Amino acid sequence: MISPTRSPVGAARLPILLTGTVLAAVACGGPEPAPPALPDAPLAPPTPTAPLTQPALAQVEAEGTLAAPEQAQDAFTYDPAQAPAGAELSVEAEESNGTTQVQLDVDGLLPDRGYAAHAHARPCGPTGDAAGPHFQNEVDPAATPEQPSTDPAYANPQNEIWLDLRTDGEGDGEASTEVPFVFRDRAPASVVIHEAESTATAPGEAGSAGGRLACLNVPFDQAANG
């Protein structure tokens, strides 16, 4: 008698084992597929910010060699006996924090002598008078072309630019000043060397310094436009 055919034990159990394996994987929290990535949102344009760098300082430089008016370019002598032709003048100016520093250097003037010097309102010309009056930050309302300011309230080294100096044994010298203002809508145009050894300060004569011996054109307006 032939016995009924039996399936192999392994064959009968394999589907069950596979099913159990899948269930076990799900039950054990296997890794799930990551959700699809969302498109990137457009970036907002950067907000403009003020530059961190400090503004450049306004600077002015001028130099010249004294010559007679008919030969001069930027440096004029009106009295070669006291301001010899060939002497050299230079001026530097710099604005910083609401103030202006100005320095005058001379080389080859008379030795061991004082010279009063100031910034003037107009450029040098054929005569000393061409440079006009002293530059004043606050203009004296009583001053006229015929009668320059002599009021110490206006003609003083804080409202004008005074550069009085004394030369050494070789005729060289320097002077510097700092004034509490900067140039904006107006600026001086020259520096004049005067005959007096120092600038007067008394009422009725403040700012006076005698005849005009020499003049150097200085583009102070570059600082005003800087």
Protein backbone atom coordinates (compact mmCIF):
# COMPACT_ATOMS: atom_id res chain seq x y z
CA MET A 1 0.00 0.00 0.00
CA ILE A 2 1.42 3.20 -1.07
CA SER A 3 1.69 5.87 1.68
CA PRO A 4 0.39 9.45 0.91
CA THR A 5 3.08 11.92 -0.27
CA ARG A 6 4.30 14.30 2.45
CA SER A 7 5.69 17.75 1.81
CA PRO A 8 9.13 18.43 3.21
CA VAL A 9 9.04 20.10 6.57
CA GLY A 10 11.23 23.05 5.45
CA ALA A 11 8.98 23.80 2.51
CA ALA A 12 5.93 23.99 4.70
CA ARG A 13 7.51 26.32 7.20
CA LEU A 14 9.31 28.77 4.86
CA PRO A 15 6.36 31.03 4.07
CA ILE A 16 5.57 31.27 7.74
CA LEU A 17 9.13 32.19 8.62
CA LEU A 18 9.29 34.83 5.90
CA THR A 19 6.02 36.31 7.03
CA GLY A 20 7.27 36.37 10.56
CA THR A 21 10.46 38.12 9.50
CA VAL A 22 8.56 40.91 7.76
CA LEU A 23 6.27 41.36 10.75
CA ALA A 24 9.24 41.43 13.07
CA ALA A 25 10.93 44.11 10.99
CA VAL A 26 7.83 46.30 11.08
CA ALA A 27 7.25 45.67 14.74
CA CYS A 28 10.85 46.56 15.64
CA GLY A 29 10.57 50.03 14.09
CA GLY A 30 12.89 49.64 11.15
CA PRO A 31 13.95 52.74 9.20
CA GLU A 32 11.17 54.39 7.26
CA PRO A 33 11.78 56.16 3.98
CA ALA A 34 12.48 59.92 4.40
CA PRO A 35 9.70 62.26 3.27
CA PRO A 36 10.36 64.08 0.02
CA ALA A 37 12.39 67.28 0.46
CA LEU A 38 10.47 70.53 0.21
CA PRO A 39 11.73 73.14 -2.26
CA ASP A 40 13.95 75.80 -0.69
CA ALA A 41 12.22 79.10 0.04
CA PRO A 42 13.73 82.06 -1.82
CA LEU A 43 16.27 83.98 0.28
CA ALA A 44 15.40 87.54 1.22
CA PRO A 45 17.79 90.15 -0.21
CA PRO A 46 20.40 91.35 2.31
CA THR A 47 19.60 94.54 4.17
CA PRO A 48 22.06 97.27 3.22
CA THR A 49 24.17 98.55 6.08
CA ALA A 50 26.25 101.68 6.48
CA PRO A 51 29.96 101.27 5.78
CA LEU A 52 32.13 100.82 8.85
CA THR A 53 35.10 102.68 7.46
CA GLN A 54 35.80 106.18 8.73
CA PRO A 55 35.67 109.07 6.23
CA ALA A 56 39.00 110.16 4.87
CA LEU A 57 40.47 113.29 6.33
CA ALA A 58 40.43 116.36 4.09
CA GLN A 59 44.03 117.45 3.44
CA VAL A 60 45.60 120.38 1.62
CA GLU A 61 49.22 120.93 0.61
CA ALA A 62 50.90 123.82 -1.18
CA GLU A 63 54.48 124.93 -1.72
CA GLY A 64 56.33 127.48 -3.80
CA THR A 65 59.55 129.41 -4.30
CA LEU A 66 59.30 133.17 -3.92
CA ALA A 67 59.70 135.17 -7.11
CA ALA A 68 58.90 138.68 -8.28
CA PRO A 69 55.22 139.09 -9.24
CA GLU A 70 55.94 139.17 -12.97
CA GLN A 71 57.69 135.81 -12.71
CA ALA A 72 55.82 134.19 -9.83
CA GLN A 73 53.49 131.24 -10.24
CA ASP A 74 52.12 130.54 -6.75
CA ALA A 75 54.66 132.24 -4.45
CA PHE A 76 55.12 136.02 -4.65
CA THR A 77 57.60 138.36 -2.98
CA TYR A 78 56.65 142.02 -2.72
CA ASP A 79 59.77 143.03 -0.77
CA PRO A 80 62.85 141.00 -1.76
CA ALA A 81 64.94 142.73 0.89
CA GLN A 82 62.84 141.15 3.66
CA ALA A 83 61.40 138.16 1.79
CA PRO A 84 64.19 137.16 -0.62
CA ALA A 85 63.46 135.64 -4.01
CA GLY A 86 64.34 131.97 -3.85
CA ALA A 87 63.01 131.48 -0.33
CA GLU A 88 60.61 128.55 -0.08
CA LEU A 89 57.21 128.46 1.59
CA SER A 90 54.98 125.44 2.22
CA VAL A 91 51.61 125.02 3.90
CA GLU A 92 49.77 121.90 5.01
CA ALA A 93 46.21 121.80 6.33
CA GLU A 94 44.09 118.95 7.64
CA GLU A 95 40.53 118.78 8.93
CA SER A 96 39.65 116.39 11.75
CA ASN A 97 36.69 116.15 14.14
CA GLY A 98 35.44 119.67 13.51
CA THR A 99 38.85 121.34 13.73
CA THR A 100 41.47 122.39 11.21
CA GLN A 101 45.22 122.11 11.73
CA VAL A 102 47.46 124.33 9.59
CA GLN A 103 51.27 124.37 9.43
CA LEU A 104 53.54 126.88 7.69
CA ASP A 105 57.20 126.12 6.92
CA VAL A 106 59.67 128.68 5.54
CA ASP A 107 63.20 128.18 4.23
CA GLY A 108 65.51 131.05 3.28
CA LEU A 109 63.89 134.12 4.83
CA LEU A 110 65.99 136.53 6.90
CA PRO A 111 67.72 134.83 9.84
CA ASP A 112 66.71 135.36 13.46
CA ARG A 113 63.65 137.38 12.58
CA GLY A 114 60.00 137.21 13.47
CA TYR A 115 57.33 137.23 10.76
CA ALA A 116 53.61 137.54 11.29
CA ALA A 117 51.58 135.37 8.91
CA HIS A 118 47.88 134.71 8.32
CA ALA A 119 45.48 132.96 5.95
CA HIS A 120 43.81 135.46 3.62
CA ALA A 121 40.48 135.42 1.83
CA ARG A 122 41.66 135.71 -1.79
CA PRO A 123 44.54 134.41 -3.94
CA CYS A 124 47.87 136.17 -4.31
CA GLY A 125 48.29 138.69 -7.10
CA PRO A 126 50.60 141.36 -8.52
CA THR A 127 50.43 143.34 -5.26
CA GLY A 128 49.99 142.29 -1.66
CA ASP A 129 46.53 143.83 -1.51
CA ALA A 130 45.23 141.25 -4.01
CA ALA A 131 44.94 138.63 -1.23
CA GLY A 132 42.20 140.63 0.49
CA PRO A 133 41.55 140.62 4.24
CA HIS A 134 42.26 137.90 6.76
CA PHE A 135 39.95 134.92 6.42
CA GLN A 136 37.46 134.91 9.30
CA ASN A 137 35.22 131.99 10.20
CA GLU A 138 32.67 134.47 11.59
CA VAL A 139 32.97 137.65 9.56
CA ASP A 140 33.14 140.94 11.44
CA PRO A 141 30.02 142.82 10.28
CA ALA A 142 31.74 146.16 10.90
CA ALA A 143 34.70 145.43 8.62
CA THR A 144 34.96 146.99 5.16
CA PRO A 145 37.47 146.66 2.31
CA GLU A 146 38.89 150.03 3.33
CA GLN A 147 38.87 149.24 7.07
CA PRO A 148 39.65 145.58 7.86
CA SER A 149 38.52 144.02 11.11
CA THR A 150 40.42 145.13 14.22
CA ASP A 151 37.84 143.96 16.75
CA PRO A 152 39.39 141.28 19.00
CA ALA A 153 36.03 139.51 19.08
CA TYR A 154 36.62 138.63 15.41
CA ALA A 155 40.30 139.37 14.75
CA ASN A 156 41.76 136.66 16.97
CA PRO A 157 43.65 133.37 16.47
CA GLN A 158 40.54 131.23 17.06
CA ASN A 159 38.39 132.96 14.43
CA GLU A 160 41.24 133.58 11.97
CA ILE A 161 44.31 131.49 11.08
CA TRP A 162 47.46 133.02 12.56
CA LEU A 163 50.85 131.50 11.77
CA ASP A 164 53.38 133.89 13.34
CA LEU A 165 56.89 132.40 13.40
CA ARG A 166 60.52 133.19 14.10
CA THR A 167 63.35 132.01 11.86
CA ASP A 168 66.58 130.43 13.02
CA GLY A 169 70.12 131.44 12.07
CA GLU A 170 69.62 130.09 8.56
CA GLY A 171 66.30 131.79 7.91
CA ASP A 172 64.22 128.65 8.41
CA GLY A 173 61.18 128.42 10.64
CA GLU A 174 57.76 126.94 11.14
CA ALA A 175 54.47 127.66 12.84
CA SER A 176 51.32 125.64 13.37
CA THR A 177 47.86 126.29 14.71
CA GLU A 178 44.58 124.46 15.30
CA VAL A 179 41.30 126.33 14.92
CA PRO A 180 37.85 125.14 16.08
CA PHE A 181 36.20 125.18 12.66
CA VAL A 182 36.35 123.56 9.22
CA PHE A 183 35.82 124.99 5.75
CA ARG A 184 32.43 124.46 4.14
CA ASP A 185 30.89 127.16 1.94
CA ARG A 186 33.91 129.48 2.30
CA ALA A 187 37.65 128.92 2.53
CA PRO A 188 40.81 131.05 2.50
CA ALA A 189 42.91 131.10 -0.66
CA SER A 190 46.40 132.15 0.43
CA VAL A 191 48.87 132.68 3.27
CA VAL A 192 50.53 136.10 3.55
CA ILE A 193 53.85 136.85 5.29
CA HIS A 194 53.76 140.27 6.96
CA GLU A 195 56.37 142.84 7.92
CA ALA A 196 55.60 142.88 11.65
CA GLU A 197 57.31 140.30 13.82
CA SER A 198 54.03 139.40 15.55
CA THR A 199 50.33 140.09 15.18
CA ALA A 200 48.73 142.84 17.25
CA THR A 201 45.93 141.85 19.63
CA ALA A 202 44.77 145.09 21.30
CA PRO A 203 41.34 146.59 20.50
CA GLY A 204 41.46 148.84 17.47
CA GLU A 205 44.56 147.11 16.07
CA ALA A 206 43.86 143.41 16.57
CA GLY A 207 45.01 141.39 13.57
CA SER A 208 47.27 144.14 12.27
CA ALA A 209 50.74 143.02 11.15
CA GLY A 210 52.18 145.69 8.87
CA GLY A 211 53.01 145.50 5.20
CA ARG A 212 52.67 142.39 3.08
CA LEU A 213 56.05 140.94 2.20
CA ALA A 214 55.17 137.66 0.48
CA CYS A 215 52.22 135.46 -0.43
CA LEU A 216 51.64 131.77 -1.21
CA ASN A 217 48.52 130.49 -2.96
CA VAL A 218 46.96 127.65 -0.95
CA PRO A 219 43.92 125.68 -2.24
CA PHE A 220 42.09 125.52 1.08
CA ASP A 221 38.88 125.08 -0.92
CA GLN A 222 39.94 121.48 -1.61
CA ALA A 223 39.18 120.78 2.04
CA ALA A 224 35.82 122.54 1.70
CA ASN A 225 34.96 120.27 -1.25
CA GLY A 226 36.48 117.14 0.30
